[in-house]
C-alpha atoms as a PDB file:
ATOM      1  CA  MET A   1     114.496 196.128  21.701  1.00  0.00           C
ATOM      2  CA  GLU A   2     117.484 196.966  23.939  1.00  0.00           C
ATOM      3  CA  LYS A   3     118.640 199.714  21.574  1.00  0.00           C
ATOM      4  CA  ALA A   4     115.121 201.159  21.439  1.00  0.00           C
ATOM      5  CA  SER A   5     114.892 201.216  25.259  1.00  0.00           C
ATOM      6  CA  ALA A   6     118.265 202.907  25.528  1.00  0.00           C
ATOM      7  CA  CYS A   7     117.212 205.589  23.056  1.00  0.00           C
ATOM      8  CA  ILE A   8     114.020 206.277  24.999  1.00  0.00           C
ATOM      9  CA  GLU A   9     115.947 206.539  28.272  1.00  0.00           C
ATOM     10  CA  ILE A  10     118.263 209.262  26.938  1.00  0.00           C
ATOM     11  CA  LEU A  11     115.461 211.245  25.309  1.00  0.00           C
ATOM     12  CA  PRO A  12     114.685 213.340  28.432  1.00  0.00           C
ATOM     13  CA  ILE A  13     118.379 214.312  28.691  1.00  0.00           C
ATOM     14  CA  LEU A  14     118.465 215.245  25.027  1.00  0.00           C
ATOM     15  CA  LEU A  15     115.273 217.270  25.406  1.00  0.00           C
ATOM     16  CA  ILE A  16     116.688 219.284  28.301  1.00  0.00           C
ATOM     17  CA  PHE A  17     119.791 220.021  26.232  1.00  0.00           C
ATOM     18  CA  LEU A  18     117.635 221.181  23.329  1.00  0.00           C
ATOM     19  CA  ILE A  19     115.756 223.701  25.479  1.00  0.00           C
ATOM     20  CA  VAL A  20     118.763 225.982  25.183  1.00  0.00           C
ATOM     21  CA  GLU A  21     119.843 224.991  21.698  1.00  0.00           C
ATOM     22  CA  VAL A  22     116.550 224.888  19.776  1.00  0.00           C
ATOM     23  CA  LYS A  23     115.239 228.108  18.293  1.00  0.00           C
ATOM     24  CA  PRO A  24     111.508 228.893  18.225  1.00  0.00           C
ATOM     25  CA  SER A  25     111.444 228.156  14.493  1.00  0.00           C
ATOM     26  CA  GLN A  26     112.736 224.655  15.263  1.00  0.00           C
ATOM     27  CA  SER A  27     110.123 223.761  17.849  1.00  0.00           C
ATOM     28  CA  MET A  28     108.920 220.897  15.634  1.00  0.00           C
ATOM     29  CA  CYS A  29     112.097 219.097  16.650  1.00  0.00           C
ATOM     30  CA  LEU A  30     111.011 219.098  20.297  1.00  0.00           C
ATOM     31  CA  LEU A  31     107.538 218.021  19.284  1.00  0.00           C
ATOM     32  CA  HIS A  32     108.963 215.088  17.355  1.00  0.00           C
ATOM     33  CA  LEU A  33     111.128 213.996  20.282  1.00  0.00           C
ATOM     34  CA  PHE A  34     108.162 214.246  22.646  1.00  0.00           C
ATOM     35  CA  SER A  35     106.228 211.877  20.406  1.00  0.00           C
ATOM     36  CA  PHE A  36     108.574 209.028  21.401  1.00  0.00           C
ATOM     37  CA  LEU A  37     107.766 209.415  25.105  1.00  0.00           C
ATOM     38  CA  ASP A  38     104.895 207.844  27.036  1.00  0.00           C
ATOM     39  CA  LYS A  39     102.209 209.982  28.637  1.00  0.00           C
ATOM     40  CA  ASN A  40     103.838 210.042  32.089  1.00  0.00           C
ATOM     41  CA  SER A  41     107.215 211.125  30.718  1.00  0.00           C
ATOM     42  CA  ARG A  42     105.603 213.897  28.703  1.00  0.00           C
ATOM     43  CA  LYS A  43     103.785 215.157  31.779  1.00  0.00           C
ATOM     44  CA  SER A  44     106.958 215.063  33.879  1.00  0.00           C
ATOM     45  CA  LEU A  45     108.904 217.063  31.316  1.00  0.00           C
ATOM     46  CA  ALA A  46     106.053 219.563  31.024  1.00  0.00           C
ATOM     47  CA  LYS A  47     106.685 220.484  34.669  1.00  0.00           C
ATOM     48  CA  THR A  48     110.339 221.398  34.077  1.00  0.00           C
ATOM     49  CA  CYS A  49     109.927 224.679  32.194  1.00  0.00           C
ATOM     50  CA  HIS A  50     107.536 226.824  30.199  1.00  0.00           C
ATOM     51  CA  GLN A  51     108.925 225.687  26.852  1.00  0.00           C
ATOM     52  CA  MET A  52     108.312 222.036  27.701  1.00  0.00           C
ATOM     53  CA  LEU A  53     104.807 222.877  28.867  1.00  0.00           C
ATOM     54  CA  GLU A  54     104.075 224.508  25.511  1.00  0.00           C
ATOM     55  CA  VAL A  55     105.171 221.354  23.700  1.00  0.00           C
ATOM     56  CA  PHE A  56     103.015 219.211  26.002  1.00  0.00           C
ATOM     57  CA  GLN A  57     100.006 221.429  25.244  1.00  0.00           C
ATOM     58  CA  ASP A  58     100.508 221.356  21.480  1.00  0.00           C
ATOM     59  CA  PRO A  59      97.440 219.573  20.001  1.00  0.00           C
ATOM     60  CA  LEU A  60      99.624 217.970  17.318  1.00  0.00           C
ATOM     61  CA  LEU A  61     101.277 215.848  20.014  1.00  0.00           C
ATOM     62  CA  TRP A  62      98.015 214.091  20.829  1.00  0.00           C
ATOM     63  CA  SER A  63      96.859 212.519  17.586  1.00  0.00           C
ATOM     64  CA  LEU A  64      97.112 209.024  19.109  1.00  0.00           C
ATOM     65  CA  LEU A  65      96.104 207.805  22.579  1.00  0.00           C
ATOM     66  CA  ASN A  66      96.367 204.282  24.012  1.00  0.00           C
ATOM     67  CA  PHE A  67      94.946 203.299  27.406  1.00  0.00           C
ATOM     68  CA  HIS A  68      95.224 199.958  29.178  1.00  0.00           C
ATOM     69  CA  SER A  69      92.697 200.348  32.009  1.00  0.00           C
ATOM     70  CA  PRO A  70      89.772 202.611  32.961  1.00  0.00           C
ATOM     71  CA  GLY A  71      91.904 204.145  35.713  1.00  0.00           C
ATOM     72  CA  GLU A  72      94.274 205.645  33.148  1.00  0.00           C
ATOM     73  CA  LEU A  73      91.420 207.723  31.754  1.00  0.00           C
ATOM     74  CA  LYS A  74      91.223 209.647  35.044  1.00  0.00           C
ATOM     75  CA  LYS A  75      94.823 210.869  34.914  1.00  0.00           C
ATOM     76  CA  ASP A  76      95.909 214.323  33.749  1.00  0.00           C
ATOM     77  CA  ASN A  77      98.879 213.184  31.659  1.00  0.00           C
ATOM     78  CA  PHE A  78      97.239 213.690  28.247  1.00  0.00           C
ATOM     79  CA  LEU A  79      95.099 216.149  26.299  1.00  0.00           C
ATOM     80  CA  LEU A  80      91.900 215.589  24.347  1.00  0.00           C
ATOM     81  CA  GLY A  81      91.352 217.756  21.313  1.00  0.00           C
ATOM     82  CA  PRO A  82      90.458 217.947  17.633  1.00  0.00           C
ATOM     83  CA  ALA A  83      93.862 216.551  16.645  1.00  0.00           C
ATOM     84  CA  LEU A  84      93.004 213.116  18.092  1.00  0.00           C
ATOM     85  CA  LYS A  85      92.654 210.587  15.278  1.00  0.00           C
ATOM     86  CA  TYR A  86      93.463 207.201  16.842  1.00  0.00           C
ATOM     87  CA  LEU A  87      92.058 206.077  20.188  1.00  0.00           C
ATOM     88  CA  SER A  88      92.439 202.701  21.878  1.00  0.00           C
ATOM     89  CA  ILE A  89      91.059 201.616  25.269  1.00  0.00           C
ATOM     90  CA  CYS A  90      91.954 197.967  25.913  1.00  0.00           C
ATOM     91  CA  TRP A  91      91.464 196.428  29.360  1.00  0.00           C
ATOM     92  CA  HIS A  92      92.968 192.937  29.369  1.00  0.00           C
ATOM     93  CA  SER A  93      92.421 191.869  32.964  1.00  0.00           C
ATOM     94  CA  GLN A  94      90.788 189.026  34.853  1.00  0.00           C
ATOM     95  CA  ARG A  95      88.566 191.656  36.457  1.00  0.00           C
ATOM     96  CA  VAL A  96      86.808 192.145  33.130  1.00  0.00           C
ATOM     97  CA  LYS A  97      85.049 188.830  33.812  1.00  0.00           C
ATOM     98  CA  VAL A  98      83.212 190.476  36.708  1.00  0.00           C
ATOM     99  CA  CYS A  99      82.013 193.302  34.449  1.00  0.00           C
ATOM    100  CA  ASN A 100      80.773 190.752  31.937  1.00  0.00           C
ATOM    101  CA  ILE A 101      78.386 189.109  34.399  1.00  0.00           C
ATOM    102  CA  GLU A 102      74.789 190.097  33.764  1.00  0.00           C
ATOM    103  CA  ASP A 103      73.788 192.829  36.233  1.00  0.00           C
ATOM    104  CA  TRP A 104      70.863 190.919  37.739  1.00  0.00           C
ATOM    105  CA  MET A 105      73.161 187.957  38.444  1.00  0.00           C
ATOM    106  CA  LYS A 106      75.894 189.912  40.259  1.00  0.00           C
ATOM    107  CA  ASN A 107      76.284 189.590  44.014  1.00  0.00           C
ATOM    108  CA  THR A 108      76.821 192.592  46.294  1.00  0.00           C
ATOM    109  CA  PHE A 109      80.610 192.415  46.072  1.00  0.00           C
ATOM    110  CA  GLN A 110      80.547 192.290  42.270  1.00  0.00           C
ATOM    111  CA  LYS A 111      78.093 195.196  42.063  1.00  0.00           C
ATOM    112  CA  ASP A 112      80.278 197.316  44.351  1.00  0.00           C
ATOM    113  CA  PHE A 113      83.330 196.517  42.237  1.00  0.00           C
ATOM    114  CA  CYS A 114      81.610 197.612  39.022  1.00  0.00           C
ATOM    115  CA  TYR A 115      80.025 200.680  40.609  1.00  0.00           C
ATOM    116  CA  LYS A 116      83.467 202.222  41.110  1.00  0.00           C
ATOM    117  CA  HIS A 117      84.328 202.311  37.420  1.00  0.00           C
ATOM    118  CA  GLU A 118      81.260 201.477  35.332  1.00  0.00           C
ATOM    119  CA  ASN A 119      80.794 205.025  33.995  1.00  0.00           C
ATOM    120  CA  ILE A 120      84.462 205.957  33.476  1.00  0.00           C
ATOM    121  CA  VAL A 121      84.819 204.747  29.885  1.00  0.00           C
ATOM    122  CA  SER A 122      81.351 205.953  28.857  1.00  0.00           C
ATOM    123  CA  ASP A 123      81.952 209.421  30.294  1.00  0.00           C
ATOM    124  CA  PHE A 124      85.323 209.574  28.556  1.00  0.00           C
ATOM    125  CA  LEU A 125      83.756 208.635  25.226  1.00  0.00           C
ATOM    126  CA  LEU A 126      81.205 211.422  25.679  1.00  0.00           C
ATOM    127  CA  GLU A 127      84.130 213.832  26.046  1.00  0.00           C
ATOM    128  CA  VAL A 128      85.588 212.419  22.848  1.00  0.00           C
ATOM    129  CA  CYS A 129      82.259 213.069  21.105  1.00  0.00           C
ATOM    130  CA  ASN A 130      82.364 216.709  22.152  1.00  0.00           C
ATOM    131  CA  ARG A 131      86.051 217.437  21.597  1.00  0.00           C
ATOM    132  CA  CYS A 132      87.425 215.067  18.951  1.00  0.00           C
ATOM    133  CA  PRO A 133      85.368 215.391  15.752  1.00  0.00           C
ATOM    134  CA  ASN A 134      88.269 214.237  13.560  1.00  0.00           C
ATOM    135  CA  LEU A 135      88.593 210.774  15.124  1.00  0.00           C
ATOM    136  CA  LEU A 136      89.447 208.162  12.486  1.00  0.00           C
ATOM    137  CA  SER A 137      89.870 204.985  14.514  1.00  0.00           C
ATOM    138  CA  LEU A 138      88.415 203.663  17.786  1.00  0.00           C
ATOM    139  CA  THR A 139      89.330 200.368  19.462  1.00  0.00           C
ATOM    140  CA  LEU A 140      87.574 199.166  22.615  1.00  0.00           C
ATOM    141  CA  SER A 141      88.399 195.860  24.291  1.00  0.00           C
ATOM    142  CA  GLY A 142      87.111 194.562  27.621  1.00  0.00           C
ATOM    143  CA  CYS A 143      84.867 197.602  28.074  1.00  0.00           C
ATOM    144  CA  GLY A 144      81.914 195.754  29.560  1.00  0.00           C
ATOM    145  CA  HIS A 145      79.912 198.834  30.514  1.00  0.00           C
ATOM    146  CA  VAL A 146      79.992 200.650  27.166  1.00  0.00           C
ATOM    147  CA  THR A 147      76.503 200.739  25.655  1.00  0.00           C
ATOM    148  CA  ASP A 148      75.010 201.063  22.193  1.00  0.00           C
ATOM    149  CA  ASN A 149      74.123 204.662  22.944  1.00  0.00           C
ATOM    150  CA  CYS A 150      77.803 205.589  23.400  1.00  0.00           C
ATOM    151  CA  ILE A 151      78.696 204.148  20.011  1.00  0.00           C
ATOM    152  CA  LEU A 152      75.695 205.837  18.400  1.00  0.00           C
ATOM    153  CA  LEU A 153      76.799 209.240  19.706  1.00  0.00           C
ATOM    154  CA  LEU A 154      80.358 208.634  18.517  1.00  0.00           C
ATOM    155  CA  LEU A 155      79.206 207.760  15.025  1.00  0.00           C
ATOM    156  CA  LYS A 156      77.073 210.904  14.914  1.00  0.00           C
ATOM    157  CA  ASN A 157      79.741 213.244  16.297  1.00  0.00           C
ATOM    158  CA  CYS A 158      82.778 211.735  14.580  1.00  0.00           C
ATOM    159  CA  PRO A 159      81.639 211.574  10.951  1.00  0.00           C
ATOM    160  CA  ASN A 160      85.137 210.711   9.670  1.00  0.00           C
ATOM    161  CA  LEU A 161      85.405 207.496  11.698  1.00  0.00           C
ATOM    162  CA  GLU A 162      86.842 204.832   9.388  1.00  0.00           C
ATOM    163  CA  THR A 163      87.685 202.006  11.794  1.00  0.00           C
ATOM    164  CA  LEU A 164      85.602 200.733  14.716  1.00  0.00           C
ATOM    165  CA  LYS A 165      86.883 197.698  16.614  1.00  0.00           C
ATOM    166  CA  LEU A 166      84.875 196.335  19.531  1.00  0.00           C
ATOM    167  CA  GLU A 167      86.085 193.239  21.366  1.00  0.00           C
ATOM    168  CA  ASN A 168      84.513 191.593  24.407  1.00  0.00           C
ATOM    169  CA  CYS A 169      82.102 194.501  24.916  1.00  0.00           C
ATOM    170  CA  VAL A 170      79.115 192.597  26.275  1.00  0.00           C
ATOM    171  CA  ARG A 171      76.571 195.425  26.228  1.00  0.00           C
ATOM    172  CA  ILE A 172      76.993 196.007  22.524  1.00  0.00           C
ATOM    173  CA  THR A 173      73.963 194.679  20.610  1.00  0.00           C
ATOM    174  CA  ASP A 174      72.399 194.844  17.173  1.00  0.00           C
ATOM    175  CA  LEU A 175      71.511 198.468  17.916  1.00  0.00           C
ATOM    176  CA  THR A 176      75.167 199.338  17.362  1.00  0.00           C
ATOM    177  CA  LEU A 177      75.089 197.490  14.057  1.00  0.00           C
ATOM    178  CA  GLU A 178      71.995 199.447  13.060  1.00  0.00           C
ATOM    179  CA  ALA A 179      73.737 202.698  14.023  1.00  0.00           C
ATOM    180  CA  VAL A 180      76.619 201.727  11.754  1.00  0.00           C
ATOM    181  CA  THR A 181      74.296 201.344   8.767  1.00  0.00           C
ATOM    182  CA  LEU A 182      72.637 204.707   9.487  1.00  0.00           C
ATOM    183  CA  HIS A 183      75.504 206.919  10.626  1.00  0.00           C
ATOM    184  CA  GLY A 184      78.800 205.205   9.769  1.00  0.00           C
ATOM    185  CA  ARG A 185      79.103 206.824   6.372  1.00  0.00           C
ATOM    186  CA  ALA A 186      82.907 206.892   6.393  1.00  0.00           C
ATOM    187  CA  LEU A 187      83.322 203.501   8.089  1.00  0.00           C
ATOM    188  CA  ARG A 188      85.511 201.012   6.243  1.00  0.00           C
ATOM    189  CA  THR A 189      86.330 198.458   8.967  1.00  0.00           C
ATOM    190  CA  LEU A 190      84.022 197.079  11.669  1.00  0.00           C
ATOM    191  CA  HIS A 191      84.986 194.449  14.243  1.00  0.00           C
ATOM    192  CA  VAL A 192      82.517 193.127  16.810  1.00  0.00           C
ATOM    193  CA  ASP A 193      84.511 190.178  18.136  1.00  0.00           C
ATOM    194  CA  PHE A 194      83.378 188.217  21.210  1.00  0.00           C
ATOM    195  CA  CYS A 195      80.367 190.525  21.685  1.00  0.00           C
ATOM    196  CA  ARG A 196      77.816 187.985  22.890  1.00  0.00           C
ATOM    197  CA  ASN A 197      74.689 190.092  22.331  1.00  0.00           C
ATOM    198  CA  VAL A 198      75.309 190.609  18.621  1.00  0.00           C
ATOM    199  CA  THR A 199      73.164 188.317  16.467  1.00  0.00           C
ATOM    200  CA  ARG A 200      73.660 186.723  13.089  1.00  0.00           C
ATOM    201  CA  ALA A 201      70.651 188.630  11.749  1.00  0.00           C
ATOM    202  CA  GLY A 202      72.218 191.933  12.783  1.00  0.00           C
ATOM    203  CA  LEU A 203      75.474 191.039  11.044  1.00  0.00           C
ATOM    204  CA  GLU A 204      73.632 190.107   7.873  1.00  0.00           C
ATOM    205  CA  ARG A 205      71.881 193.486   7.854  1.00  0.00           C
ATOM    206  CA  VAL A 206      75.253 195.239   7.975  1.00  0.00           C
ATOM    207  CA  ARG A 207      76.543 193.123   5.087  1.00  0.00           C
ATOM    208  CA  GLU A 208      73.405 193.885   3.105  1.00  0.00           C
ATOM    209  CA  LYS A 209      73.205 197.630   3.750  1.00  0.00           C
ATOM    210  CA  ARG A 210      76.953 198.389   3.928  1.00  0.00           C
ATOM    211  CA  PRO A 211      78.702 195.905   1.602  1.00  0.00           C
ATOM    212  CA  SER A 212      81.772 198.147   1.387  1.00  0.00           C
ATOM    213  CA  VAL A 213      82.507 197.669   5.110  1.00  0.00           C
ATOM    214  CA  THR A 214      85.030 194.968   6.049  1.00  0.00           C
ATOM    215  CA  LEU A 215      83.192 193.111   8.811  1.00  0.00           C
ATOM    216  CA  SER A 216      84.667 190.790  11.441  1.00  0.00           C
ATOM    217  CA  ALA A 217      82.567 189.092  14.114  1.00  0.00           C
ATOM    218  CA  GLU A 218      84.672 186.337  15.636  1.00  0.00           C
ATOM    219  CA  ARG A 219      82.490 184.119  17.865  1.00  0.00           C
ATOM    220  CA  SER A 220      79.940 186.901  18.424  1.00  0.00           C
ATOM    221  CA  ALA A 221      76.859 185.358  16.794  1.00  0.00           C
ATOM    222  CA  ASN A 222      77.692 181.928  18.263  1.00  0.00           C
ATOM    223  CA  MET A 223      77.887 182.983  21.916  1.00  0.00           C
ATOM    224  CA  ILE A 224      75.081 182.661  24.472  1.00  0.00           C
ATOM    225  CA  PRO A 225      73.373 186.076  24.766  1.00  0.00           C
ATOM    226  CA  ASP A 226      72.157 187.673  27.978  1.00  0.00           C
ATOM    227  CA  SER A 227      68.791 186.495  29.298  1.00  0.00           C
ATOM    228  CA  LYS A 228      66.221 188.457  31.263  1.00  0.00           C
ATOM    229  CA  PRO A 229      65.539 187.381  34.866  1.00  0.00           C
ATOM    230  CA  GLU A 230      61.856 186.634  34.207  1.00  0.00           C
ATOM    231  CA  LYS A 231      62.732 184.478  31.202  1.00  0.00           C
ATOM    232  CA  LYS A 232      65.211 182.437  33.220  1.00  0.00           C
ATOM    233  CA  PHE A 233      62.659 182.086  36.020  1.00  0.00           C
ATOM    234  CA  MET A 234      60.038 180.739  33.616  1.00  0.00           C
ATOM    235  CA  LEU A 235      62.496 178.222  32.201  1.00  0.00           C
ATOM    236  CA  GLU A 236      63.399 177.012  35.699  1.00  0.00           C
ATOM    237  CA  LYS A 237      59.706 176.778  36.616  1.00  0.00           C
ATOM    238  CA  THR A 238      58.966 174.724  33.507  1.00  0.00           C
ATOM    239  CA  SER A 239      61.904 172.440  34.271  1.00  0.00           C
ATOM    240  CA  ARG A 240      60.640 171.800  37.793  1.00  0.00           C
ATOM    241  CA  LYS A 241      57.199 170.863  36.450  1.00  0.00           C
ATOM    242  CA  LEU A 242      58.726 168.432  33.999  1.00  0.00           C
ATOM    243  CA  VAL A 243      60.733 166.821  36.796  1.00  0.00           C
ATOM    244  CA  GLN A 244      57.581 166.441  38.901  1.00  0.00           C
ATOM    245  CA  LEU A 245      55.789 164.735  36.014  1.00  0.00           C
END
């Protein structure tokens, strides 16, 4: 690990040296070196000279994107384009628990917190639908505001999608599973882990209609699904009557 960190630290220096030394026909060398840098480092180098900016804007540099929070999707340190094949948005934070609360149960503070970011991931995925038709793999974790409709549009607009991994995405339901059977023609791997609104019946339909798909659904069909306010009210009312009797 120490050697790898040291190599990454000297990459910017090496890149600056290569600006003078590398010929146009050898620009793939710069592109390869850029691929070892994180998004912020690439953006910083792109500001140093025109040649670095050209490398930053090369679509081949952006075949893989990893994000660790919704806020990262708002930055300008990456490019979306048809070269994107692997996309991961994984938010592993205690704040995800707030997003996972059913909307009708949230207090004012929790609603305000979610309001600030609830559309960020969905809007980003819509951009992916429009600009990244060659996407092969999508991983979403802790994206509590992503809906079935987003996944449906992705499956329709990214026909080559082979891997779809959804973890702790509470708004994902059997409608996503149905979309997989209808539009996931290239899909080979499907994970719907810890998605509480996915049912056992929905999983069985996928296994029946798409037996070639490797399906994982850790805990999903065994979790307590969301309940509607009126249903919960009726249960509480019935309980009070039983207590009175």
